[in-house]
Amino acid sequence: MTNRVINLPIDAAALPEAWRSRVVGRVGPCAIKIIRMDEAGIDWEDHPDYEEALYVLDGRMELEIPGERIVCGPGDLYVVPAGVPHRVLPGSHGLLLLIDR
């Protein structure tokens, strides 16, 4: 990875399809990724060994974890605890910054 200024909206627009993340940087063991969300949402997943930070840069993300629905807009950050199943509900859209391993 080269040193460069990263313009997240431009990099996200260049992604070949929605929900395909791209690593734009690393801090220690963590990967910083961008994801272009679309209305389709994503199915259940969990990461047993690490937390995952989801920061909405633009748009709206509706996240479901067992027993709870979380709605995030621009500037909102949600940290999914390690091992907690979660999914992004249909209707979510925009640009997401994701930090994980």
Protein backbone atom coordinates (compact mmCIF):
# COMPACT_ATOMS: atom_id res chain seq x y z
CA MET A 1 0.00 0.00 0.00
CA THR A 2 1.38 3.39 -0.95
CA ASN A 3 1.17 6.61 1.00
CA ARG A 4 -1.56 8.73 -0.52
CA VAL A 5 -4.53 10.87 0.30
CA ILE A 6 -7.60 8.66 0.14
CA ASN A 7 -10.84 10.13 -1.12
CA LEU A 8 -13.36 7.62 0.21
CA PRO A 9 -16.33 8.58 -2.02
CA ILE A 10 -14.18 8.40 -5.16
CA ASP A 11 -12.64 5.06 -4.13
CA ALA A 12 -16.07 3.67 -3.25
CA ALA A 13 -17.53 4.76 -6.58
CA ALA A 14 -14.77 2.79 -8.32
CA LEU A 15 -15.70 -0.46 -6.57
CA PRO A 16 -16.92 -3.06 -9.09
CA GLU A 17 -20.09 -3.83 -7.11
CA ALA A 18 -21.89 -3.07 -3.88
CA TRP A 19 -20.97 -4.96 -0.72
CA ARG A 20 -17.44 -5.72 -1.99
CA SER A 21 -15.04 -4.14 0.46
CA ARG A 22 -11.71 -2.60 -0.45
CA VAL A 23 -8.87 -2.18 2.03
CA VAL A 24 -7.73 1.45 1.92
CA GLY A 25 -5.29 1.29 4.84
CA ARG A 26 -4.08 -0.55 7.91
CA VAL A 27 -3.54 0.48 11.51
CA GLY A 28 -1.71 -2.21 13.48
CA PRO A 29 -3.57 -5.48 12.88
CA CYS A 30 -6.73 -3.71 11.72
CA ALA A 31 -7.85 -3.21 8.13
CA ILE A 32 -9.68 -0.03 7.18
CA LYS A 33 -12.15 -0.79 4.41
CA ILE A 34 -14.74 1.03 2.37
CA ILE A 35 -17.97 -0.53 1.21
CA ARG A 36 -20.62 0.83 -1.10
CA MET A 37 -23.98 -0.30 0.28
CA ASP A 38 -27.01 -0.92 -1.89
CA GLU A 39 -30.65 -1.62 -1.16
CA ALA A 40 -30.15 -5.41 -1.13
CA GLY A 41 -28.53 -5.65 2.32
CA ILE A 42 -26.32 -8.56 3.40
CA ASP A 43 -27.07 -11.84 5.14
CA TRP A 44 -26.09 -12.89 8.66
CA GLU A 45 -22.41 -13.08 9.55
CA ASP A 46 -20.31 -13.04 12.67
CA HIS A 47 -16.64 -12.74 13.53
CA PRO A 48 -15.86 -14.86 16.58
CA ASP A 49 -12.36 -13.49 17.16
CA TYR A 50 -12.71 -9.72 16.72
CA GLU A 51 -14.97 -6.71 16.93
CA GLU A 52 -16.03 -4.85 13.83
CA ALA A 53 -16.54 -1.07 13.69
CA LEU A 54 -19.11 0.22 11.18
CA TYR A 55 -19.06 3.96 10.46
CA VAL A 56 -21.66 5.41 8.12
CA LEU A 57 -20.08 8.12 5.96
CA ASP A 58 -23.13 8.71 3.79
CA GLY A 59 -26.62 7.24 3.55
CA ARG A 60 -28.36 4.98 6.02
CA MET A 61 -27.56 1.58 7.49
CA GLU A 62 -30.12 -0.58 9.23
CA LEU A 63 -28.33 -3.27 11.18
CA GLU A 64 -29.93 -6.22 12.93
CA ILE A 65 -28.39 -8.16 15.77
CA PRO A 66 -30.38 -10.78 17.71
CA GLY A 67 -33.19 -8.96 19.49
CA GLU A 68 -32.28 -5.47 18.28
CA ARG A 69 -32.47 -3.24 15.23
CA ILE A 70 -29.97 -0.39 14.98
CA VAL A 71 -30.41 2.52 12.55
CA CYS A 72 -27.32 4.56 11.70
CA GLY A 73 -26.99 7.68 9.59
CA PRO A 74 -24.06 9.82 8.47
CA GLY A 75 -21.54 10.22 11.28
CA ASP A 76 -22.87 7.27 13.30
CA LEU A 77 -20.50 4.53 14.48
CA TYR A 78 -21.58 1.12 15.73
CA VAL A 79 -19.16 -1.49 17.09
CA VAL A 80 -20.35 -5.07 16.68
CA PRO A 81 -18.98 -7.16 19.56
CA ALA A 82 -16.91 -10.23 18.70
CA GLY A 83 -19.06 -13.28 18.02
CA VAL A 84 -22.36 -11.40 17.70
CA PRO A 85 -24.32 -12.36 14.57
CA HIS A 86 -25.40 -9.35 12.53
CA ARG A 87 -26.81 -8.42 9.16
CA VAL A 88 -27.46 -5.25 7.20
CA LEU A 89 -31.14 -5.04 6.33
CA PRO A 90 -32.51 -4.36 2.86
CA GLY A 91 -33.05 -0.67 2.22
CA SER A 92 -29.64 0.33 3.55
CA HIS A 93 -27.65 2.48 1.14
CA GLY A 94 -24.65 4.79 0.94
CA LEU A 95 -21.03 4.56 1.98
CA LEU A 96 -19.68 2.60 4.92
CA LEU A 97 -16.23 2.64 6.53
CA LEU A 98 -15.47 -0.69 8.18
CA ILE A 99 -12.61 -1.45 10.55
CA ASP A 100 -11.79 -5.08 11.32
CA ARG A 101 -8.98 -7.59 11.07
